[in-house]
Amino acid sequence: MVRRFSLVCTVVVLCGLWGCDRQLSPQATEQLQSGKAAYAAGNNEEAIVRMDAFLQQNAKSSRADEAFYIRGLAKYGLKQYPSAKSDLQTALDSADSRELRAKAALALGDLGYDTNDMPSAEAMYTSALNNLDRGIPPADHACYRLGQSLQRQGKWEQAGLQFSRVLHFAPGSELAKRAAKLIHCRAWTVRAGSFAGRGNAESSAAELRKEKLPVEIKVDMSNGAAQYLLNVGRYSSCEQALAALAGVKRIQSDAYVTATE
């Protein structure tokens, strides 16, 4: 999901772009501003109530696109995904501002990713990037997530291109560190553990091998110190790895699926 910090910043930026009372009555302006304030404070329910009241009287106004966007974000925060998608799509379709189009598309990309609709996520992240400066956040987030959604669809070369863009435009960032680990990946595995010492890794691997699981120990030096990674299996699709995950979780409850070289 989109991080609330970035979305709150987005609310502030959009207020600056649109001004505070463009073609609105004082009452409507108060409804809109109080709804944005409620969302920024983490009160999604109140934000929805405020935006509902605003849109009842101002659905055709020049500020309706903003209200649909904020209400969509609030619904997204409550995991009301279908309704959130409808509001965010309305904001995207009706937005006059390039900034709002980018932010709405980015939120729709994250929603698609969270609901495992990777083709939709790919399309929305691409749309967001068409309206964002590649060298300025949140373009790095859009590139990184686009890379992930492409990997989930088996589009490894295209994914690598997006990760390389993260490395170029956001060097040294946390996202760049993650992108560096994914850029050469071409398959999926179940990660059954990560250990600072090889002895602990070997011990855990032995437990997995007792269950006839295909365990491999990989050494990761990307953080400057050796980490011993337990990978179980190598799969051509994420779905295959997810199908194998349950069996690994019976032994290592915190196992998860990840891309691998």
Protein backbone atom coordinates (compact mmCIF):
# COMPACT_ATOMS: atom_id res chain seq x y z
CA MET A 1 0.00 0.00 0.00
CA VAL A 2 1.09 3.62 -0.52
CA ARG A 3 2.82 4.88 2.61
CA ARG A 4 0.68 7.40 4.52
CA PHE A 5 3.62 9.79 4.86
CA SER A 6 3.88 10.23 1.11
CA LEU A 7 0.11 10.55 0.74
CA VAL A 8 -0.09 13.23 3.41
CA CYS A 9 2.64 15.11 1.56
CA THR A 10 0.60 14.67 -1.60
CA VAL A 11 -2.42 16.24 0.06
CA VAL A 12 -0.34 19.27 1.01
CA VAL A 13 1.12 19.59 -2.49
CA LEU A 14 -2.27 19.33 -4.13
CA CYS A 15 -3.69 21.99 -1.85
CA GLY A 16 -0.90 24.26 -3.02
CA LEU A 17 -1.60 23.49 -6.66
CA TRP A 18 -5.32 24.04 -6.47
CA GLY A 19 -5.48 26.78 -3.88
CA CYS A 20 -7.95 26.70 -1.04
CA ASP A 21 -11.26 28.03 -2.41
CA ARG A 22 -11.33 27.68 -6.21
CA GLN A 23 -14.94 28.35 -7.29
CA LEU A 24 -16.39 27.04 -4.03
CA SER A 25 -18.70 28.42 -1.37
CA PRO A 26 -17.21 28.91 2.09
CA GLN A 27 -19.19 25.89 3.34
CA ALA A 28 -17.91 23.67 0.53
CA THR A 29 -14.36 24.88 1.07
CA GLU A 30 -14.63 24.01 4.78
CA GLN A 31 -15.93 20.52 3.94
CA LEU A 32 -13.08 19.87 1.55
CA GLN A 33 -10.37 21.19 3.83
CA SER A 34 -11.71 19.38 6.91
CA GLY A 35 -11.87 16.14 4.91
CA LYS A 36 -8.25 16.52 3.85
CA ALA A 37 -7.26 17.30 7.44
CA ALA A 38 -9.08 14.21 8.69
CA TYR A 39 -7.27 12.04 6.16
CA ALA A 40 -3.90 13.58 7.02
CA ALA A 41 -4.59 12.83 10.69
CA GLY A 42 -5.29 9.18 9.89
CA ASN A 43 -9.06 9.38 10.39
CA ASN A 44 -10.23 7.68 7.22
CA GLU A 45 -13.85 7.29 8.32
CA GLU A 46 -14.20 11.02 9.02
CA ALA A 47 -12.47 11.88 5.76
CA ILE A 48 -15.03 9.81 3.86
CA VAL A 49 -17.95 11.47 5.68
CA ARG A 50 -16.57 14.92 4.85
CA MET A 51 -15.95 14.09 1.20
CA ASP A 52 -19.39 12.50 0.90
CA ALA A 53 -20.93 15.75 2.13
CA PHE A 54 -18.80 17.79 -0.26
CA LEU A 55 -19.62 15.65 -3.29
CA GLN A 56 -23.34 15.64 -2.60
CA GLN A 57 -23.41 19.33 -3.48
CA ASN A 58 -20.25 19.79 -5.54
CA ALA A 59 -19.81 16.68 -7.68
CA LYS A 60 -19.67 18.85 -10.82
CA SER A 61 -17.37 21.49 -9.38
CA SER A 62 -13.80 22.16 -10.43
CA ARG A 63 -12.62 20.64 -7.12
CA ALA A 64 -14.53 17.37 -7.36
CA ASP A 65 -11.49 15.55 -8.76
CA GLU A 66 -9.61 16.36 -5.56
CA ALA A 67 -12.48 15.13 -3.38
CA PHE A 68 -12.74 11.84 -5.27
CA TYR A 69 -8.98 11.37 -4.89
CA ILE A 70 -8.95 11.97 -1.13
CA ARG A 71 -12.04 9.82 -0.59
CA GLY A 72 -10.44 7.08 -2.68
CA LEU A 73 -7.30 7.19 -0.53
CA ALA A 74 -9.36 7.01 2.65
CA LYS A 75 -11.32 4.00 1.36
CA TYR A 76 -8.06 2.41 0.29
CA GLY A 77 -6.75 2.85 3.83
CA LEU A 78 -9.82 0.96 5.07
CA LYS A 79 -9.27 -1.77 2.45
CA GLN A 80 -12.54 -0.93 0.70
CA TYR A 81 -10.79 -1.78 -2.53
CA PRO A 82 -13.58 -1.79 -5.17
CA SER A 83 -15.01 1.51 -3.96
CA ALA A 84 -11.54 3.02 -3.59
CA LYS A 85 -10.68 1.99 -7.13
CA SER A 86 -13.84 3.64 -8.45
CA ASP A 87 -13.10 6.94 -6.72
CA LEU A 88 -9.42 6.96 -7.72
CA GLN A 89 -10.30 6.15 -11.33
CA THR A 90 -12.82 8.99 -11.36
CA ALA A 91 -10.13 11.32 -10.04
CA LEU A 92 -7.70 10.13 -12.70
CA ASP A 93 -10.21 10.51 -15.52
CA SER A 94 -11.40 13.99 -14.49
CA ALA A 95 -8.20 15.58 -13.18
CA ASP A 96 -7.04 18.81 -14.80
CA SER A 97 -3.76 18.72 -12.91
CA ARG A 98 -0.86 16.62 -14.19
CA GLU A 99 0.17 16.22 -10.56
CA LEU A 100 -3.18 14.76 -9.58
CA ARG A 101 -3.21 12.40 -12.57
CA ALA A 102 0.17 11.09 -11.47
CA LYS A 103 -0.86 10.65 -7.84
CA ALA A 104 -4.17 8.97 -8.69
CA ALA A 105 -2.46 6.59 -11.11
CA LEU A 106 0.20 5.79 -8.52
CA ALA A 107 -2.45 4.97 -5.91
CA LEU A 108 -4.29 2.79 -8.44
CA GLY A 109 -1.00 1.02 -9.17
CA ASP A 110 -0.50 0.26 -5.49
CA LEU A 111 -4.10 -0.90 -5.19
CA GLY A 112 -3.63 -3.24 -8.14
CA TYR A 113 -0.42 -4.59 -6.63
CA ASP A 114 -2.05 -5.12 -3.22
CA THR A 115 -4.98 -7.00 -4.79
CA ASN A 116 -2.70 -9.12 -7.02
CA ASP A 117 -3.94 -7.53 -10.26
CA MET A 118 -0.51 -7.17 -11.82
CA PRO A 119 -1.61 -6.12 -15.35
CA SER A 120 -3.58 -3.25 -13.80
CA ALA A 121 -0.65 -2.36 -11.54
CA GLU A 122 1.69 -2.30 -14.54
CA ALA A 123 -0.64 -0.03 -16.52
CA MET A 124 -1.18 2.39 -13.64
CA TYR A 125 2.48 2.66 -12.66
CA THR A 126 3.33 3.32 -16.31
CA SER A 127 0.65 6.02 -16.42
CA ALA A 128 2.00 7.58 -13.22
CA LEU A 129 5.53 7.67 -14.60
CA ASN A 130 4.29 9.43 -17.73
CA ASN A 131 3.29 12.32 -15.46
CA LEU A 132 6.19 12.29 -12.99
CA ASP A 133 9.72 13.68 -13.06
CA ARG A 134 11.86 10.51 -13.05
CA GLY A 135 14.46 12.08 -10.77
CA ILE A 136 12.08 13.15 -8.01
CA PRO A 137 10.09 10.98 -5.53
CA PRO A 138 7.65 9.31 -5.80
CA ALA A 139 8.93 8.32 -9.27
CA ASP A 140 11.42 5.96 -7.59
CA HIS A 141 8.53 4.19 -5.85
CA ALA A 142 6.62 3.92 -9.13
CA CYS A 143 9.66 2.46 -10.95
CA TYR A 144 10.36 -0.01 -8.17
CA ARG A 145 6.79 -1.23 -7.93
CA LEU A 146 6.51 -1.37 -11.72
CA GLY A 147 9.56 -3.61 -11.69
CA GLN A 148 7.96 -5.85 -9.10
CA SER A 149 4.69 -6.10 -11.00
CA LEU A 150 6.58 -6.97 -14.19
CA GLN A 151 8.50 -9.69 -12.36
CA ARG A 152 5.25 -11.17 -11.09
CA GLN A 153 4.20 -11.51 -14.72
CA GLY A 154 7.49 -13.12 -15.75
CA LYS A 155 8.67 -10.04 -17.65
CA TRP A 156 12.17 -10.22 -16.20
CA GLU A 157 14.06 -8.07 -18.71
CA GLN A 158 11.52 -5.25 -18.52
CA ALA A 159 11.58 -5.46 -14.72
CA GLY A 160 15.36 -5.17 -14.71
CA LEU A 161 15.12 -1.95 -16.70
CA GLN A 162 12.85 -0.39 -14.08
CA PHE A 163 15.16 -1.46 -11.24
CA SER A 164 18.10 0.06 -13.10
CA ARG A 165 16.20 3.33 -13.24
CA VAL A 166 15.75 3.24 -9.47
CA LEU A 167 19.50 2.76 -9.09
CA HIS A 168 20.14 5.68 -11.45
CA PHE A 169 17.65 8.19 -10.08
CA ALA A 170 17.76 7.28 -6.35
CA PRO A 171 21.33 6.06 -5.67
CA GLY A 172 21.98 5.07 -2.08
CA SER A 173 18.31 5.02 -1.13
CA GLU A 174 16.57 2.10 0.57
CA LEU A 175 14.64 1.42 -2.63
CA ALA A 176 17.89 1.36 -4.59
CA LYS A 177 19.30 -1.24 -2.21
CA ARG A 178 16.23 -3.39 -2.73
CA ALA A 179 16.32 -2.86 -6.49
CA ALA A 180 19.96 -3.96 -6.61
CA LYS A 181 18.96 -7.32 -5.12
CA LEU A 182 16.20 -7.84 -7.67
CA ILE A 183 17.72 -6.51 -10.88
CA HIS A 184 19.27 -9.83 -11.99
CA CYS A 185 16.49 -12.11 -10.74
CA ARG A 186 14.93 -14.52 -13.20
CA ALA A 187 13.03 -17.00 -11.02
CA TRP A 188 11.19 -17.48 -7.72
CA THR A 189 12.05 -19.31 -4.53
CA VAL A 190 10.74 -19.80 -0.99
CA ARG A 191 13.00 -18.02 1.48
CA ALA A 192 13.08 -20.18 4.62
CA GLY A 193 15.46 -18.08 6.67
CA SER A 194 18.40 -15.68 6.83
CA PHE A 195 21.30 -16.22 9.23
CA ALA A 196 24.45 -14.35 10.21
CA GLY A 197 26.30 -17.61 10.90
CA ARG A 198 26.68 -20.56 8.54
CA GLY A 199 26.28 -23.06 11.38
CA ASN A 200 22.75 -21.87 12.15
CA ALA A 201 21.92 -21.92 8.44
CA GLU A 202 23.19 -25.51 8.11
CA SER A 203 21.18 -26.59 11.14
CA SER A 204 17.94 -25.13 9.75
CA ALA A 205 18.68 -26.56 6.31
CA ALA A 206 19.04 -30.01 7.84
CA GLU A 207 15.56 -29.76 9.34
CA LEU A 208 14.12 -28.87 5.94
CA ARG A 209 15.99 -31.68 4.21
CA LYS A 210 14.45 -34.18 6.62
CA GLU A 211 11.16 -33.30 4.93
CA LYS A 212 12.69 -33.93 1.50
CA LEU A 213 12.64 -30.23 0.62
CA PRO A 214 15.20 -28.97 -1.95
CA VAL A 215 17.19 -26.53 0.19
CA GLU A 216 20.08 -24.41 -1.03
CA ILE A 217 22.23 -22.06 1.05
CA LYS A 218 23.11 -18.80 -0.68
CA VAL A 219 25.62 -16.27 0.65
CA ASP A 220 24.55 -12.61 0.40
CA MET A 221 27.26 -9.95 0.88
CA SER A 222 25.21 -6.96 -0.27
CA ASN A 223 25.14 -5.34 3.18
CA GLY A 224 28.85 -5.73 3.77
CA ALA A 225 28.61 -8.81 6.01
CA ALA A 226 27.78 -12.39 5.08
CA GLN A 227 24.14 -13.41 5.35
CA TYR A 228 23.30 -17.07 4.73
CA LEU A 229 20.01 -17.40 2.93
CA LEU A 230 17.97 -20.60 2.84
CA ASN A 231 16.19 -20.98 -0.49
CA VAL A 232 13.77 -23.83 -1.05
CA GLY A 233 13.20 -24.67 -4.71
CA ARG A 234 13.47 -22.63 -7.87
CA TYR A 235 10.28 -21.87 -9.78
CA SER A 236 9.56 -20.20 -13.09
CA SER A 237 6.42 -18.47 -11.80
CA CYS A 238 5.42 -16.80 -8.56
CA GLU A 239 2.29 -18.95 -8.46
CA GLN A 240 4.38 -22.12 -8.35
CA ALA A 241 6.44 -20.75 -5.48
CA LEU A 242 3.31 -19.73 -3.60
CA ALA A 243 1.95 -23.25 -4.01
CA ALA A 244 5.14 -24.62 -2.40
CA LEU A 245 5.10 -22.06 0.42
CA ALA A 246 2.59 -23.88 2.64
CA GLY A 247 4.80 -26.95 2.91
CA VAL A 248 7.80 -24.87 3.97
CA LYS A 249 5.75 -22.87 6.48
CA ARG A 250 4.97 -26.06 8.38
CA ILE A 251 8.65 -26.09 9.35
CA GLN A 252 9.63 -22.42 9.08
CA SER A 253 6.54 -20.35 9.92
CA ASP A 254 8.07 -17.08 8.71
CA ALA A 255 9.00 -18.39 5.24
CA TYR A 256 7.99 -16.24 2.27
CA VAL A 257 8.20 -16.12 -1.51
CA THR A 258 10.85 -13.94 -3.16
CA ALA A 259 12.54 -13.45 -6.51
CA THR A 260 15.96 -15.03 -6.98
CA GLU A 261 18.75 -15.11 -9.57
